[in-house]
């Protein structure tokens, strides 16, 4: 049975309800589309880097894809341009890396690598880098250098100073590379 509209405000109310419904459907569709794009970007990057999705690196990439605006991802991957650059991506990837490693914790990381000896060098270094605030800041800088180097090489740039090269040879950077 069809509703008969007798006054203009009744028509206006029906129109507002229909518009709200349409907005919610379109919004849900846009969210779903964004999720599909982020999933595709995540799969692409995992394939590009040649890592397993269940690896720590794969987890970091998936977490990273969730944090970046879809239009930025499109501009960077498809067009190689946009508001995203090595200078903006490297810190984002560093933040996601640090957050992911902190959420996993020392024991979570150790179990992923099947490190059973809690007195071993790698376990102690990971624990120190995650739990010690000053070491964590140094580790963060190494992770930033790692992502900057990787993204620069992808983008075709080489910006490596002697200081940066010596940082890449540090114990923390070695463990950073092992983790990622």
Protein backbone atom coordinates (compact mmCIF):
# COMPACT_ATOMS: atom_id res chain seq x y z
CA UNK A 1 0.00 0.00 0.00
CA UNK A 2 1.36 3.41 -0.98
CA UNK A 3 1.51 6.26 1.50
CA UNK A 4 -0.45 9.33 0.41
CA UNK A 5 1.37 12.60 1.05
CA UNK A 6 -0.92 15.39 2.16
CA UNK A 7 1.56 18.10 3.21
CA UNK A 8 4.91 19.31 1.87
CA UNK A 9 6.75 18.59 5.15
CA UNK A 10 5.67 14.92 4.84
CA UNK A 11 7.23 14.84 1.36
CA UNK A 12 10.36 16.53 2.69
CA UNK A 13 10.63 13.96 5.51
CA UNK A 14 10.34 11.07 3.03
CA UNK A 15 12.98 12.70 0.87
CA UNK A 16 15.36 13.12 3.85
CA UNK A 17 14.87 9.49 4.90
CA UNK A 18 15.58 8.29 1.37
CA UNK A 19 18.67 10.49 1.20
CA UNK A 20 19.96 9.17 4.56
CA UNK A 21 19.39 5.62 3.35
CA UNK A 22 21.19 6.33 0.09
CA UNK A 23 24.11 7.95 1.95
CA UNK A 24 24.47 4.93 4.22
CA UNK A 25 24.41 2.51 1.27
CA UNK A 26 26.94 4.56 -0.69
CA UNK A 27 29.11 5.00 2.43
CA UNK A 28 29.10 1.27 3.10
CA UNK A 29 29.96 0.61 -0.53
CA UNK A 30 32.82 3.11 -0.39
CA UNK A 31 34.15 1.49 2.80
CA UNK A 32 33.94 -1.96 1.23
CA UNK A 33 35.66 -0.67 -1.93
CA UNK A 34 38.40 0.90 0.20
CA UNK A 35 38.89 -2.40 2.05
CA UNK A 36 39.18 -4.28 -1.26
CA UNK A 37 41.74 -1.74 -2.55
CA UNK A 38 43.76 -1.97 0.67
CA UNK A 39 43.69 -5.76 0.44
CA UNK A 40 44.87 -5.64 -3.17
CA UNK A 41 47.63 -3.16 -2.28
CA UNK A 42 48.67 -5.37 0.61
CA UNK A 43 48.79 -8.44 -1.66
CA UNK A 44 50.71 -6.47 -4.29
CA UNK A 45 53.33 -5.25 -1.79
CA UNK A 46 53.71 -8.69 -0.22
CA UNK A 47 54.30 -10.11 -3.71
CA UNK A 48 56.59 -7.22 -4.67
CA UNK A 49 58.80 -7.75 -1.63
CA UNK A 50 58.56 -11.51 -2.01
CA UNK A 51 57.56 -12.25 1.58
CA UNK A 52 55.05 -14.61 3.08
CA UNK A 53 51.81 -12.99 4.29
CA UNK A 54 52.18 -14.65 7.70
CA UNK A 55 55.76 -13.36 8.17
CA UNK A 56 56.49 -10.37 10.37
CA UNK A 57 57.23 -8.35 7.25
CA UNK A 58 53.90 -9.45 5.75
CA UNK A 59 52.09 -8.44 8.95
CA UNK A 60 53.75 -5.02 8.87
CA UNK A 61 52.77 -4.51 5.23
CA UNK A 62 49.15 -5.48 5.92
CA UNK A 63 49.02 -3.16 8.95
CA UNK A 64 50.59 -0.38 6.88
CA UNK A 65 48.07 -0.77 4.04
CA UNK A 66 45.28 -0.32 6.60
CA UNK A 67 46.65 3.05 7.74
CA UNK A 68 47.15 4.75 4.38
CA UNK A 69 44.45 6.64 2.52
CA UNK A 70 43.31 4.72 -0.57
CA UNK A 71 43.79 7.71 -2.89
CA UNK A 72 47.39 8.10 -1.66
CA UNK A 73 48.07 4.42 -2.34
CA UNK A 74 46.63 4.71 -5.83
CA UNK A 75 48.63 7.85 -6.62
CA UNK A 76 51.86 6.34 -5.34
CA UNK A 77 51.56 2.86 -6.86
CA UNK A 78 49.81 3.61 -10.15
CA UNK A 79 51.04 7.10 -10.93
CA UNK A 80 54.27 7.16 -8.89
CA UNK A 81 53.25 10.55 -7.55
CA UNK A 82 50.79 12.31 -5.31
CA UNK A 83 51.07 13.48 -1.73
CA UNK A 84 53.03 10.38 -0.84
CA UNK A 85 56.81 10.19 -1.10
CA UNK A 86 59.71 8.40 0.53
CA UNK A 87 59.79 11.24 3.08
CA UNK A 88 56.17 10.59 4.05
CA UNK A 89 56.05 6.80 3.61
CA UNK A 90 59.23 5.91 5.52
CA UNK A 91 58.04 7.48 8.81
CA UNK A 92 54.58 5.87 8.40
CA UNK A 93 56.15 2.48 7.76
CA UNK A 94 58.47 3.03 10.74
CA UNK A 95 55.52 3.83 13.02
CA UNK A 96 53.62 0.77 11.82
CA UNK A 97 56.72 -1.41 12.22
CA UNK A 98 57.34 -0.22 15.77
CA UNK A 99 53.67 -0.59 16.69
CA UNK A 100 53.47 -4.09 15.19
CA UNK A 101 56.64 -5.25 16.95
CA UNK A 102 55.48 -3.76 20.26
CA UNK A 103 52.10 -5.48 19.94
CA UNK A 104 53.80 -8.80 19.20
CA UNK A 105 56.14 -8.40 22.15
CA UNK A 106 59.48 -10.09 22.64
CA UNK A 107 58.00 -13.55 23.15
CA UNK A 108 55.73 -13.19 20.10
CA UNK A 109 58.67 -12.21 17.91
CA UNK A 110 60.82 -14.98 19.37
CA UNK A 111 58.14 -17.60 18.72
CA UNK A 112 57.77 -16.41 15.09
CA UNK A 113 61.51 -16.99 14.64
CA UNK A 114 61.49 -20.12 16.76
CA UNK A 115 64.03 -18.60 19.18
CA UNK A 116 63.84 -20.72 22.31
CA UNK A 117 66.96 -19.62 24.18
CA UNK A 118 65.96 -16.55 26.17
CA UNK A 119 69.60 -16.03 27.12
CA UNK A 120 70.73 -15.97 23.49
CA UNK A 121 72.10 -12.88 21.78
CA UNK A 122 69.19 -12.33 19.37
CA UNK A 123 66.50 -12.72 22.06
CA UNK A 124 68.34 -10.36 24.43
CA UNK A 125 68.84 -7.79 21.64
CA UNK A 126 65.18 -7.90 20.62
CA UNK A 127 64.13 -7.55 24.27
CA UNK A 128 66.47 -4.61 24.77
CA UNK A 129 65.26 -2.84 21.64
CA UNK A 130 61.59 -3.23 22.50
CA UNK A 131 61.64 -2.63 26.26
CA UNK A 132 64.47 -0.12 26.79
CA UNK A 133 63.24 3.39 25.88
CA UNK A 134 66.63 4.77 24.79
CA UNK A 135 67.44 1.63 22.78
CA UNK A 136 63.93 1.76 21.32
CA UNK A 137 64.59 5.28 20.01
CA UNK A 138 67.86 4.10 18.43
CA UNK A 139 66.09 1.07 16.96
CA UNK A 140 63.37 3.33 15.56
CA UNK A 141 66.03 5.39 13.79
CA UNK A 142 67.48 2.19 12.31
CA UNK A 143 64.04 1.10 11.14
CA UNK A 144 63.51 4.54 9.58
CA UNK A 145 66.86 4.22 7.80
CA UNK A 146 65.90 0.74 6.63
CA UNK A 147 62.57 1.89 5.16
CA UNK A 148 64.14 5.02 3.66
CA UNK A 149 66.80 2.90 1.96
CA UNK A 150 64.24 0.42 0.60
CA UNK A 151 61.79 3.07 -0.61
CA UNK A 152 64.59 5.16 -2.13
CA UNK A 153 65.88 2.18 -4.06
CA UNK A 154 62.35 1.43 -5.29
CA UNK A 155 61.95 5.06 -6.32
CA UNK A 156 65.39 4.95 -7.98
CA UNK A 157 67.21 7.29 -5.59
CA UNK A 158 70.34 6.64 -3.62
CA UNK A 159 70.72 8.94 -0.62
CA UNK A 160 73.23 7.18 1.56
CA UNK A 161 75.76 9.19 3.57
CA UNK A 162 78.83 7.72 5.33
CA UNK A 163 77.04 8.20 8.66
CA UNK A 164 74.02 6.32 7.33
CA UNK A 165 76.27 3.52 6.05
CA UNK A 166 77.90 3.08 9.48
CA UNK A 167 74.44 2.99 11.09
CA UNK A 168 73.52 0.17 8.73
CA UNK A 169 76.39 -1.89 10.17
CA UNK A 170 75.25 -1.58 13.81
CA UNK A 171 74.04 -4.50 15.92
CA UNK A 172 70.51 -3.07 16.10
CA UNK A 173 70.35 -2.61 12.36
CA UNK A 174 71.44 -6.21 11.86
CA UNK A 175 68.59 -7.38 14.09
CA UNK A 176 66.23 -4.95 12.33
CA UNK A 177 67.09 -6.60 9.02
CA UNK A 178 66.67 -10.04 10.56
CA UNK A 179 63.23 -9.08 11.88
CA UNK A 180 62.04 -7.58 8.64
